Amino acid sequence: MPEPLNLFFSIVFGMLGVAYSMYGKRQGDFYFILAGIGLVCYTFVVDSTAAVIWVGVVLAVIPFILSRYL
């Protein structure tokens, strides 16, 4: 059974991933689509709460950096 904090952040980053996917599809931005899929799926692999938070933050920030500088 997962920790409550781990489950909470998994749900939050999963919802953010769905929002990123919808935004990416609407705007035609491939980086947001990939980040959204990553945000939805990575919580099935990562077990630690700290790792869930760090990977989620990194995946949430990467599309902004890539769309701005590439």
Protein backbone atom coordinates (compact mmCIF):
# COMPACT_ATOMS: atom_id res chain seq x y z
CA MET A 1 0.00 0.00 0.00
CA PRO A 2 1.50 3.37 -1.03
CA GLU A 3 2.17 6.16 1.42
CA PRO A 4 -0.55 8.85 1.47
CA LEU A 5 1.87 11.61 0.45
CA ASN A 6 3.21 9.49 -2.42
CA LEU A 7 -0.33 8.80 -3.60
CA PHE A 8 -1.24 12.49 -3.36
CA PHE A 9 1.71 13.63 -5.48
CA SER A 10 1.10 10.81 -7.97
CA ILE A 11 -2.44 12.06 -8.48
CA VAL A 12 -1.34 15.70 -8.73
CA PHE A 13 1.36 15.01 -11.30
CA GLY A 14 -0.96 12.65 -13.19
CA MET A 15 -3.56 15.42 -13.50
CA LEU A 16 -0.84 17.83 -14.59
CA GLY A 17 0.21 15.27 -17.21
CA VAL A 18 -3.32 15.07 -18.60
CA ALA A 19 -3.47 18.88 -18.75
CA TYR A 20 -0.09 19.01 -20.53
CA SER A 21 -1.26 16.41 -23.06
CA MET A 22 -4.45 18.31 -23.79
CA TYR A 23 -2.58 21.61 -24.10
CA GLY A 24 0.05 20.05 -26.35
CA LYS A 25 -2.57 18.52 -28.61
CA ARG A 26 -4.50 21.79 -28.87
CA GLN A 27 -1.42 23.96 -29.52
CA GLY A 28 0.44 21.38 -31.59
CA ASP A 29 3.41 21.41 -29.20
CA PHE A 30 5.10 18.00 -29.22
CA TYR A 31 7.18 18.71 -26.09
CA PHE A 32 4.09 19.15 -23.94
CA ILE A 33 2.53 15.97 -25.31
CA LEU A 34 5.63 13.94 -24.45
CA ALA A 35 5.94 15.52 -21.00
CA GLY A 36 2.26 14.84 -20.34
CA ILE A 37 2.63 11.18 -21.23
CA GLY A 38 5.74 10.99 -19.06
CA LEU A 39 3.98 12.65 -16.12
CA VAL A 40 1.09 10.22 -16.32
CA CYS A 41 3.25 7.10 -16.61
CA TYR A 42 6.33 7.63 -14.43
CA THR A 43 4.54 7.22 -11.10
CA PHE A 44 3.98 3.54 -11.86
CA VAL A 45 7.75 2.99 -11.88
CA VAL A 46 9.02 5.31 -9.12
CA ASP A 47 8.35 4.25 -5.51
CA SER A 48 9.98 6.88 -3.30
CA THR A 49 8.02 10.02 -2.44
CA ALA A 50 11.06 12.25 -2.91
CA ALA A 51 11.74 10.69 -6.31
CA VAL A 52 8.11 11.19 -7.35
CA ILE A 53 8.36 14.88 -6.47
CA TRP A 54 11.75 15.48 -8.13
CA VAL A 55 10.97 13.59 -11.34
CA GLY A 56 7.58 15.29 -11.53
CA VAL A 57 9.05 18.76 -11.17
CA VAL A 58 11.73 18.04 -13.77
CA LEU A 59 9.19 16.64 -16.24
CA ALA A 60 6.90 19.61 -15.63
CA VAL A 61 9.64 22.19 -16.32
CA ILE A 62 11.34 20.57 -19.33
CA PRO A 63 8.70 21.50 -21.96
CA PHE A 64 8.92 25.18 -21.07
CA ILE A 65 12.69 25.14 -21.43
CA LEU A 66 12.64 23.19 -24.68
CA SER A 67 9.93 25.31 -26.30
CA ARG A 68 11.69 28.50 -25.37
CA TYR A 69 15.21 27.62 -26.46
CA LEU A 70 14.65 25.15 -29.33
